[in-house]
Amino acid sequence: MPELTQKNIVILCQQPPYGSATAREGIELCLAASVYLSELKVVFTGDGVWQLVRGQDTTNSGNKQHDKLLAAFPLYDIDLVYADQSALDARELSPGNLIDGVTAISAEELAAILANAEQVLSL
């Protein structure tokens, strides 16, 4: 059986941050997977880019903010965090709107990341 730590895994986060538990569970999956994987890439695309917006305030909504979980990425050696530039453009967001540590990538770069992955988990 091949070592799990040798896999090149991409976790594709496509869900908006609030409305269901899927987005938060995706972030928790990233944190858990990073313990076992030597190379983990996390890509936010579609409505998933909303998870990365800096300064979200959920005080009156009853939702938990994702910023503390996302801030833990560097502590778990999750350094390869990307946002799909076309998804940002469609939502009128710029990299300056996002939390630190996120790299905006073109459609071509996204396609290359996905093509080179041994496994893609889509959430």
N, C-alpha and C. Protein backbone atom coordinates (compact mmCIF):
# COMPACT_ATOMS: atom_id res chain seq x y z
N MET A 1 0.86 -1.19 0.00
CA MET A 1 0.00 0.00 0.00
C MET A 1 0.89 1.24 0.00
N PRO A 2 0.65 2.20 -0.92
CA PRO A 2 1.49 3.40 -0.97
C PRO A 2 1.31 4.27 0.26
N GLU A 3 2.35 4.97 0.59
CA GLU A 3 2.31 5.89 1.72
C GLU A 3 1.38 7.06 1.41
N LEU A 4 0.47 7.36 2.30
CA LEU A 4 -0.43 8.50 2.12
C LEU A 4 0.36 9.80 2.08
N THR A 5 1.47 9.85 2.83
CA THR A 5 2.24 11.08 2.89
C THR A 5 2.91 11.43 1.57
N GLN A 6 2.98 10.50 0.64
CA GLN A 6 3.61 10.77 -0.65
C GLN A 6 2.62 11.34 -1.67
N LYS A 7 1.38 11.39 -1.35
CA LYS A 7 0.36 11.85 -2.29
C LYS A 7 0.39 13.36 -2.46
N ASN A 8 0.09 13.80 -3.66
CA ASN A 8 -0.08 15.20 -3.99
C ASN A 8 -1.59 15.43 -4.04
N ILE A 9 -2.15 15.93 -2.97
CA ILE A 9 -3.59 16.07 -2.82
C ILE A 9 -4.00 17.53 -2.96
N VAL A 10 -5.11 17.76 -3.66
CA VAL A 10 -5.71 19.09 -3.77
C VAL A 10 -7.10 19.01 -3.14
N ILE A 11 -7.37 19.93 -2.25
CA ILE A 11 -8.73 20.05 -1.70
C ILE A 11 -9.33 21.30 -2.34
N LEU A 12 -10.42 21.08 -3.04
CA LEU A 12 -11.10 22.13 -3.79
C LEU A 12 -12.32 22.59 -2.99
N CYS A 13 -12.27 23.80 -2.45
CA CYS A 13 -13.34 24.34 -1.61
C CYS A 13 -14.23 25.24 -2.45
N GLN A 14 -15.48 24.82 -2.66
CA GLN A 14 -16.38 25.53 -3.56
C GLN A 14 -17.63 26.08 -2.87
N GLN A 15 -17.78 25.81 -1.58
CA GLN A 15 -19.00 26.19 -0.89
C GLN A 15 -18.88 27.55 -0.22
N PRO A 16 -19.98 28.32 -0.18
CA PRO A 16 -19.96 29.59 0.54
C PRO A 16 -19.76 29.33 2.03
N PRO A 17 -19.27 30.32 2.76
CA PRO A 17 -18.92 30.08 4.15
C PRO A 17 -20.09 29.81 5.09
N TYR A 18 -21.25 30.29 4.75
CA TYR A 18 -22.38 30.18 5.68
C TYR A 18 -23.59 29.61 4.95
N GLY A 19 -24.50 29.04 5.71
CA GLY A 19 -25.70 28.45 5.12
C GLY A 19 -25.74 26.94 5.32
N SER A 20 -24.55 26.33 5.43
CA SER A 20 -24.46 24.91 5.75
C SER A 20 -23.11 24.68 6.42
N ALA A 21 -22.92 23.49 6.93
CA ALA A 21 -21.67 23.16 7.62
C ALA A 21 -20.57 22.71 6.67
N THR A 22 -20.86 22.58 5.39
CA THR A 22 -19.92 22.01 4.43
C THR A 22 -18.61 22.79 4.36
N ALA A 23 -18.67 24.11 4.29
CA ALA A 23 -17.46 24.91 4.18
C ALA A 23 -16.58 24.76 5.41
N ARG A 24 -17.16 24.86 6.58
CA ARG A 24 -16.40 24.73 7.83
C ARG A 24 -15.79 23.33 7.93
N GLU A 25 -16.57 22.32 7.60
CA GLU A 25 -16.06 20.96 7.64
C GLU A 25 -14.92 20.76 6.64
N GLY A 26 -14.99 21.46 5.50
CA GLY A 26 -13.90 21.41 4.53
C GLY A 26 -12.61 21.96 5.09
N ILE A 27 -12.71 23.08 5.80
CA ILE A 27 -11.52 23.67 6.42
C ILE A 27 -10.96 22.72 7.48
N GLU A 28 -11.84 22.13 8.26
CA GLU A 28 -11.39 21.16 9.28
C GLU A 28 -10.73 19.95 8.63
N LEU A 29 -11.25 19.52 7.48
CA LEU A 29 -10.63 18.42 6.74
C LEU A 29 -9.23 18.79 6.31
N CYS A 30 -9.04 20.02 5.83
CA CYS A 30 -7.71 20.48 5.43
C CYS A 30 -6.73 20.39 6.59
N LEU A 31 -7.16 20.85 7.77
CA LEU A 31 -6.29 20.81 8.94
C LEU A 31 -5.94 19.38 9.32
N ALA A 32 -6.92 18.50 9.31
CA ALA A 32 -6.67 17.10 9.66
C ALA A 32 -5.79 16.41 8.63
N ALA A 33 -6.04 16.65 7.37
CA ALA A 33 -5.27 15.99 6.30
C ALA A 33 -3.82 16.44 6.30
N SER A 34 -3.57 17.68 6.69
CA SER A 34 -2.20 18.20 6.65
C SER A 34 -1.26 17.44 7.58
N VAL A 35 -1.81 16.80 8.58
CA VAL A 35 -1.00 16.02 9.52
C VAL A 35 -0.39 14.81 8.81
N TYR A 36 -1.09 14.28 7.81
CA TYR A 36 -0.67 13.05 7.15
C TYR A 36 -0.06 13.24 5.77
N LEU A 37 -0.21 14.42 5.20
CA LEU A 37 0.21 14.63 3.82
C LEU A 37 1.45 15.51 3.75
N SER A 38 2.35 15.14 2.87
CA SER A 38 3.55 15.95 2.69
C SER A 38 3.29 17.14 1.78
N GLU A 39 2.34 17.02 0.87
CA GLU A 39 2.02 18.15 -0.01
C GLU A 39 0.52 18.26 -0.16
N LEU A 40 -0.02 19.31 0.42
CA LEU A 40 -1.45 19.57 0.37
C LEU A 40 -1.65 20.96 -0.22
N LYS A 41 -2.46 21.02 -1.26
CA LYS A 41 -2.84 22.30 -1.85
C LYS A 41 -4.32 22.50 -1.60
N VAL A 42 -4.68 23.72 -1.20
CA VAL A 42 -6.08 24.06 -0.96
C VAL A 42 -6.45 25.17 -1.94
N VAL A 43 -7.48 24.90 -2.74
CA VAL A 43 -7.92 25.86 -3.75
C VAL A 43 -9.37 26.25 -3.46
N PHE A 44 -9.59 27.55 -3.38
CA PHE A 44 -10.94 28.08 -3.18
C PHE A 44 -11.43 28.60 -4.52
N THR A 45 -12.59 28.12 -4.93
CA THR A 45 -13.16 28.53 -6.21
C THR A 45 -14.67 28.68 -6.07
N GLY A 46 -15.32 29.22 -7.07
CA GLY A 46 -16.76 29.43 -7.00
C GLY A 46 -17.10 30.27 -5.78
N ASP A 47 -18.23 29.94 -5.15
CA ASP A 47 -18.63 30.67 -3.95
C ASP A 47 -17.70 30.41 -2.77
N GLY A 48 -16.82 29.44 -2.90
CA GLY A 48 -15.85 29.16 -1.85
C GLY A 48 -14.90 30.31 -1.57
N VAL A 49 -14.69 31.19 -2.57
CA VAL A 49 -13.79 32.33 -2.34
C VAL A 49 -14.32 33.27 -1.26
N TRP A 50 -15.63 33.23 -1.03
CA TRP A 50 -16.19 34.07 0.04
C TRP A 50 -15.63 33.69 1.41
N GLN A 51 -15.17 32.45 1.57
CA GLN A 51 -14.59 32.02 2.83
C GLN A 51 -13.33 32.81 3.17
N LEU A 52 -12.67 33.34 2.16
CA LEU A 52 -11.37 33.99 2.33
C LEU A 52 -11.45 35.49 2.57
N VAL A 53 -12.64 36.06 2.52
CA VAL A 53 -12.78 37.51 2.66
C VAL A 53 -12.41 37.94 4.07
N ARG A 54 -11.53 38.91 4.12
CA ARG A 54 -11.02 39.46 5.38
C ARG A 54 -12.12 40.22 6.13
N GLY A 55 -12.12 40.11 7.46
CA GLY A 55 -12.97 40.95 8.31
C GLY A 55 -14.43 40.60 8.34
N GLN A 56 -14.78 39.35 8.15
CA GLN A 56 -16.19 38.97 8.20
C GLN A 56 -16.70 39.06 9.63
N ASP A 57 -17.90 39.57 9.79
CA ASP A 57 -18.51 39.71 11.11
C ASP A 57 -19.82 38.92 11.12
N THR A 58 -19.83 37.86 11.88
CA THR A 58 -21.02 37.01 11.96
C THR A 58 -21.74 37.15 13.30
N THR A 59 -21.44 38.19 14.03
CA THR A 59 -21.97 38.38 15.38
C THR A 59 -23.48 38.21 15.44
N ASN A 60 -24.20 38.83 14.55
CA ASN A 60 -25.66 38.81 14.60
C ASN A 60 -26.29 37.69 13.79
N SER A 61 -25.49 36.88 13.15
CA SER A 61 -26.06 35.84 12.29
C SER A 61 -26.15 34.47 12.97
N GLY A 62 -25.44 34.29 14.07
CA GLY A 62 -25.43 33.00 14.73
C GLY A 62 -24.44 32.02 14.11
N ASN A 63 -23.73 32.42 13.08
CA ASN A 63 -22.73 31.57 12.44
C ASN A 63 -21.37 31.78 13.08
N LYS A 64 -20.55 30.73 13.04
CA LYS A 64 -19.18 30.85 13.51
C LYS A 64 -18.32 31.35 12.37
N GLN A 65 -17.39 32.23 12.69
CA GLN A 65 -16.47 32.74 11.69
C GLN A 65 -15.42 31.69 11.36
N HIS A 66 -14.96 31.71 10.14
CA HIS A 66 -13.95 30.76 9.69
C HIS A 66 -12.54 31.29 9.85
N ASP A 67 -12.41 32.56 10.17
CA ASP A 67 -11.09 33.17 10.15
C ASP A 67 -10.10 32.53 11.12
N LYS A 68 -10.56 32.07 12.27
CA LYS A 68 -9.63 31.44 13.21
C LYS A 68 -9.13 30.09 12.68
N LEU A 69 -10.01 29.34 12.05
CA LEU A 69 -9.58 28.07 11.45
C LEU A 69 -8.62 28.33 10.29
N LEU A 70 -8.94 29.29 9.45
CA LEU A 70 -8.07 29.61 8.32
C LEU A 70 -6.73 30.16 8.79
N ALA A 71 -6.74 30.90 9.90
CA ALA A 71 -5.50 31.44 10.45
C ALA A 71 -4.58 30.34 10.96
N ALA A 72 -5.13 29.17 11.22
CA ALA A 72 -4.33 28.04 11.70
C ALA A 72 -3.60 27.32 10.57
N PHE A 73 -3.93 27.61 9.32
CA PHE A 73 -3.28 26.93 8.20
C PHE A 73 -1.76 26.94 8.30
N PRO A 74 -1.11 28.09 8.53
CA PRO A 74 0.36 28.07 8.61
C PRO A 74 0.88 27.20 9.76
N LEU A 75 0.15 27.13 10.85
CA LEU A 75 0.56 26.29 11.99
C LEU A 75 0.55 24.81 11.62
N TYR A 76 -0.25 24.45 10.64
CA TYR A 76 -0.36 23.07 10.16
C TYR A 76 0.44 22.86 8.87
N ASP A 77 1.31 23.80 8.57
CA ASP A 77 2.15 23.74 7.36
C ASP A 77 1.33 23.70 6.07
N ILE A 78 0.17 24.33 6.09
CA ILE A 78 -0.63 24.48 4.87
C ILE A 78 -0.26 25.84 4.28
N ASP A 79 0.70 25.81 3.39
CA ASP A 79 1.23 27.04 2.82
C ASP A 79 0.77 27.27 1.38
N LEU A 80 0.21 26.25 0.78
CA LEU A 80 -0.21 26.34 -0.62
C LEU A 80 -1.72 26.55 -0.68
N VAL A 81 -2.13 27.80 -0.51
CA VAL A 81 -3.54 28.17 -0.48
C VAL A 81 -3.79 29.13 -1.64
N TYR A 82 -4.75 28.76 -2.48
CA TYR A 82 -5.00 29.50 -3.70
C TYR A 82 -6.46 29.93 -3.80
N ALA A 83 -6.67 31.04 -4.51
CA ALA A 83 -8.01 31.51 -4.85
C ALA A 83 -8.08 31.62 -6.37
N ASP A 84 -9.13 31.10 -6.94
CA ASP A 84 -9.38 31.16 -8.38
C ASP A 84 -9.68 32.61 -8.77
N GLN A 85 -8.80 33.20 -9.56
CA GLN A 85 -8.95 34.61 -9.94
C GLN A 85 -10.26 34.86 -10.68
N SER A 86 -10.71 33.93 -11.51
CA SER A 86 -11.97 34.14 -12.23
C SER A 86 -13.15 34.15 -11.26
N ALA A 87 -13.08 33.36 -10.20
CA ALA A 87 -14.14 33.38 -9.18
C ALA A 87 -14.10 34.70 -8.42
N LEU A 88 -12.90 35.20 -8.14
CA LEU A 88 -12.78 36.50 -7.48
C LEU A 88 -13.36 37.60 -8.37
N ASP A 89 -12.99 37.58 -9.65
CA ASP A 89 -13.48 38.59 -10.58
C ASP A 89 -15.00 38.58 -10.68
N ALA A 90 -15.58 37.39 -10.74
CA ALA A 90 -17.04 37.26 -10.87
C ALA A 90 -17.76 37.83 -9.65
N ARG A 91 -17.07 37.87 -8.53
CA ARG A 91 -17.67 38.37 -7.29
C ARG A 91 -17.15 39.75 -6.91
N GLU A 92 -16.43 40.37 -7.85
CA GLU A 92 -15.86 41.70 -7.66
C GLU A 92 -14.98 41.78 -6.42
N LEU A 93 -14.19 40.73 -6.20
CA LEU A 93 -13.23 40.68 -5.11
C LEU A 93 -11.83 40.78 -5.69
N SER A 94 -10.92 41.35 -4.92
CA SER A 94 -9.52 41.40 -5.33
C SER A 94 -8.69 40.68 -4.28
N PRO A 95 -7.47 40.32 -4.60
CA PRO A 95 -6.61 39.68 -3.60
C PRO A 95 -6.47 40.52 -2.32
N GLY A 96 -6.60 41.83 -2.44
CA GLY A 96 -6.53 42.71 -1.27
C GLY A 96 -7.69 42.52 -0.31
N ASN A 97 -8.80 41.93 -0.78
CA ASN A 97 -9.95 41.66 0.08
C ASN A 97 -9.78 40.39 0.90
N LEU A 98 -8.74 39.63 0.59
CA LEU A 98 -8.60 38.29 1.17
C LEU A 98 -7.67 38.27 2.38
N ILE A 99 -7.83 37.24 3.18
CA ILE A 99 -6.93 37.04 4.31
C ILE A 99 -5.51 36.83 3.81
N ASP A 100 -4.55 36.98 4.68
CA ASP A 100 -3.14 36.80 4.31
C ASP A 100 -2.85 35.34 3.95
N GLY A 101 -1.87 35.16 3.10
CA GLY A 101 -1.40 33.83 2.77
C GLY A 101 -2.09 33.16 1.61
N VAL A 102 -2.94 33.89 0.89
CA VAL A 102 -3.67 33.34 -0.24
C VAL A 102 -3.09 33.90 -1.54
N THR A 103 -2.85 33.03 -2.50
CA THR A 103 -2.35 33.42 -3.80
C THR A 103 -3.45 33.27 -4.84
N ALA A 104 -3.74 34.36 -5.55
CA ALA A 104 -4.73 34.29 -6.64
C ALA A 104 -4.06 33.63 -7.84
N ILE A 105 -4.79 32.72 -8.49
CA ILE A 105 -4.25 32.00 -9.64
C ILE A 105 -5.20 32.09 -10.83
N SER A 106 -4.62 32.05 -12.01
CA SER A 106 -5.39 32.10 -13.25
C SER A 106 -6.06 30.75 -13.52
N ALA A 107 -6.95 30.75 -14.49
CA ALA A 107 -7.61 29.51 -14.90
C ALA A 107 -6.60 28.48 -15.38
N GLU A 108 -5.57 28.94 -16.06
CA GLU A 108 -4.53 28.03 -16.55
C GLU A 108 -3.74 27.41 -15.40
N GLU A 109 -3.41 28.24 -14.41
CA GLU A 109 -2.68 27.73 -13.23
C GLU A 109 -3.55 26.74 -12.46
N LEU A 110 -4.84 27.04 -12.33
CA LEU A 110 -5.76 26.12 -11.65
C LEU A 110 -5.82 24.79 -12.39
N ALA A 111 -5.94 24.85 -13.71
CA ALA A 111 -6.00 23.62 -14.51
C ALA A 111 -4.73 22.80 -14.32
N ALA A 112 -3.58 23.44 -14.26
CA ALA A 112 -2.31 22.73 -14.07
C ALA A 112 -2.24 22.08 -12.69
N ILE A 113 -2.69 22.80 -11.67
CA ILE A 113 -2.70 22.24 -10.30
C ILE A 113 -3.57 20.99 -10.26
N LEU A 114 -4.75 21.07 -10.85
CA LEU A 114 -5.67 19.93 -10.85
C LEU A 114 -5.14 18.77 -11.68
N ALA A 115 -4.52 19.08 -12.81
CA ALA A 115 -3.99 18.04 -13.70
C ALA A 115 -2.82 17.29 -13.05
N ASN A 116 -2.05 17.97 -12.23
CA ASN A 116 -0.88 17.37 -11.59
C ASN A 116 -1.19 16.69 -10.26
N ALA A 117 -2.41 16.84 -9.78
CA ALA A 117 -2.79 16.23 -8.51
C ALA A 117 -2.99 14.72 -8.66
N GLU A 118 -2.55 14.00 -7.65
CA GLU A 118 -2.83 12.56 -7.63
C GLU A 118 -4.27 12.31 -7.21
N GLN A 119 -4.80 13.23 -6.40
CA GLN A 119 -6.18 13.09 -5.96
C GLN A 119 -6.75 14.48 -5.68
N VAL A 120 -8.01 14.69 -6.07
CA VAL A 120 -8.70 15.95 -5.81
C VAL A 120 -9.94 15.64 -4.98
N LEU A 121 -10.03 16.31 -3.85
CA LEU A 121 -11.23 16.21 -3.01
C LEU A 121 -12.03 17.48 -3.22
N SER A 122 -13.25 17.35 -3.70
CA SER A 122 -14.08 18.50 -4.01
C SER A 122 -15.17 18.65 -2.98
N LEU A 123 -15.21 19.81 -2.33
CA LEU A 123 -16.21 20.07 -1.28
C LEU A 123 -17.07 21.25 -1.67
